């Protein structure tokens, strides 16, 4: 590895516990945990991300401080995979 080689930044994911409870079943939680472990994502589970109006409408998270959302939890996981790949 050279002196000025480019290192890939570690992704940072923040998730809302309330949002997870609303939209993610046990199977989807397991998929999320597998993705976190597989990709080495630094994860912080919080009681609230201050997106309360959106929280009850759709699954969402903050990935590298960027708000991401989807209609379904499966779609949100795909978005996360796409961004960190």
Protein backbone atom coordinates (compact mmCIF):
# COMPACT_ATOMS: atom_id res chain seq x y z
CA UNK A 1 0.00 0.00 0.00
CA UNK A 2 1.44 3.31 -1.05
CA UNK A 3 1.79 6.43 0.98
CA UNK A 4 -1.13 8.14 -0.75
CA UNK A 5 -3.34 5.14 -1.38
CA UNK A 6 -7.05 5.65 -0.93
CA UNK A 7 -8.60 3.97 2.07
CA UNK A 8 -12.26 3.11 2.04
CA UNK A 9 -14.07 4.92 4.86
CA UNK A 10 -16.00 2.87 7.37
CA UNK A 11 -19.73 3.43 7.00
CA UNK A 12 -21.60 4.84 9.99
CA UNK A 13 -25.25 3.93 10.43
CA UNK A 14 -27.67 5.45 12.92
CA UNK A 15 -31.03 3.76 13.39
CA UNK A 16 -34.10 4.72 15.38
CA UNK A 17 -35.32 2.03 17.79
CA UNK A 18 -38.92 3.16 17.37
CA UNK A 19 -38.66 2.97 13.58
CA UNK A 20 -37.10 -0.50 13.75
CA UNK A 21 -39.95 -1.67 15.98
CA UNK A 22 -42.55 -0.23 13.59
CA UNK A 23 -41.22 -1.62 10.31
CA UNK A 24 -38.69 -4.40 10.88
CA UNK A 25 -39.74 -7.93 11.83
CA UNK A 26 -37.28 -10.40 13.38
CA UNK A 27 -36.14 -11.67 9.98
CA UNK A 28 -35.38 -8.17 8.70
CA UNK A 29 -33.52 -7.30 11.94
CA UNK A 30 -31.35 -10.40 11.38
CA UNK A 31 -30.64 -9.33 7.80
CA UNK A 32 -29.68 -5.86 9.00
CA UNK A 33 -27.38 -7.32 11.68
CA UNK A 34 -25.74 -9.63 9.11
CA UNK A 35 -25.14 -6.67 6.79
CA UNK A 36 -23.64 -4.65 9.65
CA UNK A 37 -21.31 -7.51 10.59
CA UNK A 38 -20.39 -8.39 7.00
CA UNK A 39 -19.53 -4.83 5.97
CA UNK A 40 -18.08 -3.69 9.30
CA UNK A 41 -20.57 -0.84 9.62
CA UNK A 42 -20.29 1.24 12.77
CA UNK A 43 -23.83 1.30 14.13
CA UNK A 44 -25.54 3.41 16.74
CA UNK A 45 -29.07 2.54 17.82
CA UNK A 46 -30.86 5.59 19.19
CA UNK A 47 -34.27 6.19 20.74
CA UNK A 48 -34.93 9.01 18.29
CA UNK A 49 -33.24 10.53 15.22
CA UNK A 50 -35.51 13.64 15.25
CA UNK A 51 -37.38 12.62 12.09
CA UNK A 52 -40.61 11.97 13.99
CA UNK A 53 -43.04 12.79 11.17
CA UNK A 54 -41.23 10.45 8.78
CA UNK A 55 -40.73 7.81 11.47
CA UNK A 56 -44.31 6.60 11.45
CA UNK A 57 -44.56 6.62 7.65
CA UNK A 58 -41.54 4.70 6.37
CA UNK A 59 -38.40 2.84 7.39
CA UNK A 60 -35.41 5.18 7.56
CA UNK A 61 -31.90 5.63 8.93
CA UNK A 62 -28.91 7.96 8.79
CA UNK A 63 -26.01 6.58 6.77
CA UNK A 64 -22.85 8.66 7.03
CA UNK A 65 -25.07 11.51 8.32
CA UNK A 66 -27.31 11.33 5.23
CA UNK A 67 -31.03 10.64 5.70
CA UNK A 68 -32.12 7.59 3.72
CA UNK A 69 -35.58 6.05 3.51
CA UNK A 70 -37.66 3.53 1.59
CA UNK A 71 -41.20 2.20 1.32
CA UNK A 72 -40.23 -1.20 2.78
CA UNK A 73 -37.43 -2.42 5.07
CA UNK A 74 -36.09 -4.67 2.28
CA UNK A 75 -35.70 -1.63 0.05
CA UNK A 76 -33.89 0.29 2.81
CA UNK A 77 -31.40 -2.57 3.22
CA UNK A 78 -30.81 -2.57 -0.54
CA UNK A 79 -30.17 1.18 -0.49
CA UNK A 80 -27.66 0.74 2.35
CA UNK A 81 -25.91 -2.08 0.44
CA UNK A 82 -25.80 0.04 -2.72
CA UNK A 83 -24.34 3.09 -0.97
CA UNK A 84 -21.61 1.24 0.91
CA UNK A 85 -20.54 -1.01 -1.98
